[in-house]
N, C-alpha and C. Protein backbone atom coordinates (compact mmCIF):
# COMPACT_ATOMS: atom_id res chain seq x y z
N UNK A 1 -16.30 1.81 2.53
CA UNK A 1 -15.67 2.78 3.59
C UNK A 1 -14.50 1.54 3.60
N UNK A 2 -12.98 2.00 4.23
CA UNK A 2 -12.48 0.19 4.72
C UNK A 2 -12.44 0.69 6.18
N UNK A 3 -12.27 -0.92 6.83
CA UNK A 3 -12.66 -0.85 8.24
C UNK A 3 -11.25 -0.47 8.65
N UNK A 4 -9.92 0.30 8.24
CA UNK A 4 -8.70 0.67 8.53
C UNK A 4 -8.24 2.10 8.79
N UNK A 5 -7.67 2.63 9.43
CA UNK A 5 -7.20 3.90 9.24
C UNK A 5 -6.26 4.11 9.02
N UNK A 6 -5.90 5.16 8.25
CA UNK A 6 -4.22 4.76 7.33
C UNK A 6 -3.61 6.29 8.62
N UNK A 7 -2.79 5.87 8.88
CA UNK A 7 -1.18 6.71 9.60
C UNK A 7 -1.05 7.92 8.17
N UNK A 8 -1.10 7.30 6.87
CA UNK A 8 0.15 8.29 5.77
C UNK A 8 -0.96 7.16 4.77
N UNK A 9 -0.85 8.77 3.56
CA UNK A 9 -1.65 8.29 2.30
C UNK A 9 -0.42 8.57 0.84
N UNK A 10 0.72 7.54 0.46
CA UNK A 10 0.44 7.38 -0.80
C UNK A 10 -0.58 7.19 -1.85
N UNK A 11 0.04 8.27 -2.59
CA UNK A 11 -0.48 8.74 -3.40
C UNK A 11 -0.60 7.98 -5.18
N UNK A 12 -0.10 6.80 -4.85
CA UNK A 12 1.39 6.18 -6.38
C UNK A 12 0.06 5.79 -7.67
N UNK A 13 -1.05 6.49 -7.85
CA UNK A 13 -2.07 6.68 -9.00
C UNK A 13 -1.63 7.61 -9.83
N UNK A 14 -1.45 6.40 -11.38
CA UNK A 14 -1.09 7.34 -12.41
C UNK A 14 0.67 6.34 -12.70
N UNK A 15 1.06 5.87 -11.42
CA UNK A 15 2.57 5.44 -11.97
C UNK A 15 3.01 4.14 -11.85
N UNK A 16 3.23 3.41 -12.45
CA UNK A 16 3.45 2.16 -12.76
C UNK A 16 4.53 1.66 -12.04
N UNK A 17 4.48 -0.62 -12.12
CA UNK A 17 5.13 -0.64 -11.56
C UNK A 17 7.32 -0.96 -12.53
N UNK A 18 7.26 -0.39 -11.32
CA UNK A 18 7.35 -0.73 -10.82
C UNK A 18 7.98 -0.06 -9.15
N UNK A 19 7.51 1.56 -9.81
CA UNK A 19 7.16 2.99 -8.46
C UNK A 19 6.46 2.40 -7.60
N UNK A 20 5.28 2.20 -7.96
CA UNK A 20 4.25 2.27 -6.16
C UNK A 20 4.99 1.32 -5.16
N UNK A 21 5.43 0.21 -5.67
CA UNK A 21 6.20 -0.37 -4.39
C UNK A 21 8.32 -0.06 -4.61
N UNK A 22 8.43 0.78 -4.12
CA UNK A 22 9.64 1.25 -4.27
C UNK A 22 9.24 2.67 -3.11
N UNK A 23 7.92 3.37 -3.71
CA UNK A 23 7.38 4.62 -3.00
C UNK A 23 6.92 3.92 -1.89
N UNK A 24 5.88 2.94 -1.61
CA UNK A 24 5.57 2.15 -0.51
C UNK A 24 6.92 1.50 0.48
N UNK A 25 7.94 1.00 0.22
CA UNK A 25 9.33 0.94 0.72
C UNK A 25 9.58 2.06 1.63
N UNK A 26 9.98 3.18 0.93
CA UNK A 26 10.19 4.05 1.32
C UNK A 26 9.75 4.67 3.07
N UNK A 27 8.61 4.48 1.77
CA UNK A 27 7.36 5.83 3.28
C UNK A 27 6.65 4.21 4.93
N UNK A 28 7.67 2.52 3.90
CA UNK A 28 7.66 2.05 5.41
C UNK A 28 8.39 1.98 6.31
N UNK A 29 9.16 2.49 5.75
CA UNK A 29 10.72 2.90 6.69
C UNK A 29 10.93 3.64 7.73
N UNK A 30 10.08 4.33 7.63
CA UNK A 30 9.94 6.11 7.97
C UNK A 30 8.57 6.16 9.82
N UNK A 31 7.09 4.78 9.10
CA UNK A 31 6.20 4.25 9.80
C UNK A 31 7.15 3.22 11.22
N UNK A 32 6.49 4.01 12.25
CA UNK A 32 6.30 2.57 13.38
C UNK A 32 5.41 1.64 13.47
N UNK A 33 6.37 1.09 13.82
CA UNK A 33 5.53 -0.43 13.72
C UNK A 33 3.56 -0.63 14.31
N UNK A 34 2.62 -1.37 13.20
CA UNK A 34 1.54 -0.80 14.24
C UNK A 34 0.52 0.13 13.05
N UNK A 35 1.53 0.77 12.52
CA UNK A 35 0.88 2.17 11.55
C UNK A 35 0.49 1.50 10.55
N UNK A 36 -0.07 2.30 10.39
CA UNK A 36 -1.19 1.87 9.01
C UNK A 36 -0.93 2.40 8.15
N UNK A 37 -0.44 1.70 6.51
CA UNK A 37 -0.25 2.69 4.50
C UNK A 37 -1.33 2.36 4.10
N UNK A 38 -2.00 3.74 3.71
CA UNK A 38 -2.50 3.31 2.38
C UNK A 38 -1.97 3.43 1.64
N UNK A 39 -2.14 3.07 0.32
CA UNK A 39 -1.23 3.13 -1.09
C UNK A 39 -2.43 3.76 -2.56
N UNK A 40 -2.20 4.23 -2.66
CA UNK A 40 -3.75 4.73 -3.70
C UNK A 40 -2.96 4.00 -5.10
N UNK A 41 -3.81 3.42 -6.02
CA UNK A 41 -3.03 2.75 -6.84
C UNK A 41 -4.04 2.85 -8.42
N UNK A 42 -3.64 3.33 -9.42
CA UNK A 42 -4.60 2.51 -10.92
C UNK A 42 -3.56 1.40 -11.51
N UNK A 43 -1.90 0.94 -11.04
CA UNK A 43 -1.11 0.01 -11.57
C UNK A 43 -2.07 -1.23 -11.11
N UNK A 44 -3.20 -2.60 -12.59
CA UNK A 44 -3.51 -3.18 -11.82
C UNK A 44 -1.89 -4.37 -11.66
N UNK A 45 -0.57 -4.40 -11.49
CA UNK A 45 0.08 -5.57 -10.98
C UNK A 45 0.24 -5.48 -9.33
N UNK A 46 0.04 -4.17 -8.93
CA UNK A 46 0.56 -4.13 -7.88
C UNK A 46 -0.29 -4.84 -6.83
N UNK A 47 -2.11 -5.15 -7.31
CA UNK A 47 -2.20 -6.27 -6.35
C UNK A 47 -1.28 -7.24 -6.45
N UNK A 48 -0.83 -7.66 -6.97
CA UNK A 48 0.00 -8.40 -6.71
C UNK A 48 1.26 -8.28 -6.11
N UNK A 49 2.21 -7.13 -6.62
CA UNK A 49 2.27 -7.30 -6.35
C UNK A 49 3.12 -6.89 -4.82
N UNK A 50 2.11 -5.75 -3.97
CA UNK A 50 1.59 -5.58 -2.94
C UNK A 50 2.86 -6.22 -1.53
N UNK A 51 1.36 -8.18 -1.84
CA UNK A 51 0.65 -8.83 -0.87
C UNK A 51 2.47 -9.48 -1.33
N UNK A 52 2.95 -9.00 -1.96
CA UNK A 52 4.22 -10.16 -2.06
C UNK A 52 4.76 -9.21 -1.26
N UNK A 53 5.60 -8.43 -1.92
CA UNK A 53 6.41 -7.05 -0.70
C UNK A 53 6.22 -7.67 0.05
N UNK A 54 4.59 -7.88 0.57
CA UNK A 54 4.77 -7.39 2.58
C UNK A 54 6.40 -8.43 2.92
N UNK A 55 4.98 -10.02 2.06
CA UNK A 55 5.33 -11.18 2.65
C UNK A 55 7.59 -11.28 3.21
N UNK A 56 7.84 -10.54 1.55
CA UNK A 56 9.66 -10.45 2.45
C UNK A 56 10.12 -9.19 3.72
N UNK A 57 9.10 -8.16 3.46
CA UNK A 57 9.10 -7.21 4.27
C UNK A 57 9.69 -7.21 5.77
N UNK A 58 8.12 -8.20 6.14
CA UNK A 58 7.36 -8.34 7.94
C UNK A 58 6.96 -7.39 7.79
N UNK A 59 6.16 -6.55 6.90
CA UNK A 59 4.30 -6.03 6.69
C UNK A 59 3.44 -6.83 6.90
N UNK A 60 2.51 -6.42 7.14
CA UNK A 60 1.10 -7.53 7.38
C UNK A 60 0.23 -6.33 5.95
N UNK A 61 -0.19 -7.15 4.75
CA UNK A 61 -1.38 -6.71 3.68
C UNK A 61 -2.51 -6.56 4.44
N UNK A 62 -2.93 -5.59 4.45
CA UNK A 62 -4.62 -5.40 5.06
C UNK A 62 -5.93 -6.35 4.40
N UNK A 63 -5.26 -5.55 2.70
CA UNK A 63 -6.17 -5.66 1.47
C UNK A 63 -6.57 -4.61 1.49
N UNK A 64 -7.03 -4.69 0.53
CA UNK A 64 -8.01 -3.15 -0.48
C UNK A 64 -9.41 -3.03 -1.22
N UNK A 65 -9.47 -1.47 -0.98
CA UNK A 65 -10.62 -1.29 -1.79
C UNK A 65 -10.95 -0.65 -3.35
N UNK A 66 -11.58 -1.41 -3.43
CA UNK A 66 -11.70 -0.38 -5.43
C UNK A 66 -13.00 1.29 -4.27
N UNK A 67 -12.02 2.24 -5.00
CA UNK A 67 -12.92 3.77 -5.47
C UNK A 67 -13.19 4.11 -6.92
N UNK A 68 -13.60 5.22 -6.85
CA UNK A 68 -13.95 5.39 -8.07
C UNK A 68 -12.45 5.36 -8.45
N UNK A 69 -12.37 5.19 -9.94
CA UNK A 69 -10.70 5.17 -10.99
C UNK A 69 -9.50 5.10 -9.87
N UNK A 70 -10.05 4.30 -9.01
CA UNK A 70 -8.65 3.51 -8.06
C UNK A 70 -8.22 2.34 -6.97
N UNK A 71 -7.51 1.85 -6.77
CA UNK A 71 -7.64 0.47 -5.45
C UNK A 71 -6.62 0.97 -4.65
N UNK A 72 -7.41 1.50 -2.84
CA UNK A 72 -7.05 1.12 -1.64
C UNK A 72 -6.49 0.37 -0.85
N UNK A 73 -5.16 0.00 -1.75
CA UNK A 73 -5.01 -0.92 -0.11
C UNK A 73 -3.76 -0.71 0.62
N UNK A 74 -3.89 -1.12 1.55
CA UNK A 74 -3.99 -0.89 3.45
C UNK A 74 -2.12 -1.89 3.65
N UNK A 75 -1.83 -1.64 4.18
CA UNK A 75 -0.51 -1.87 4.75
C UNK A 75 -0.10 -1.69 6.64
N UNK A 76 0.17 -2.74 7.06
CA UNK A 76 0.78 -2.34 8.51
C UNK A 76 1.78 -2.60 8.78
N UNK A 77 2.53 -1.59 9.32
CA UNK A 77 3.96 -1.91 9.06
C UNK A 77 3.91 -3.39 10.70
N UNK A 78 5.35 -4.02 10.13
CA UNK A 78 5.20 -5.14 10.97
C UNK A 78 6.74 -4.84 12.12
């Protein structure tokens, strides 16, 4: 169980690069500072792409959690 509570959830399961990041970017624009987005994904490249994206965007990568068949990634709006 994640230690974060998501304000918004993005289901990016089945999508491959660059779609999870592009969809994340679009949703993050709508969030208020401090809100948390959970990205549910199956593309292993997201493990590298998402932390790199947050470094550039000024948002905070909180971590990831392995689920049954996918990974939940957590990003906090900066």
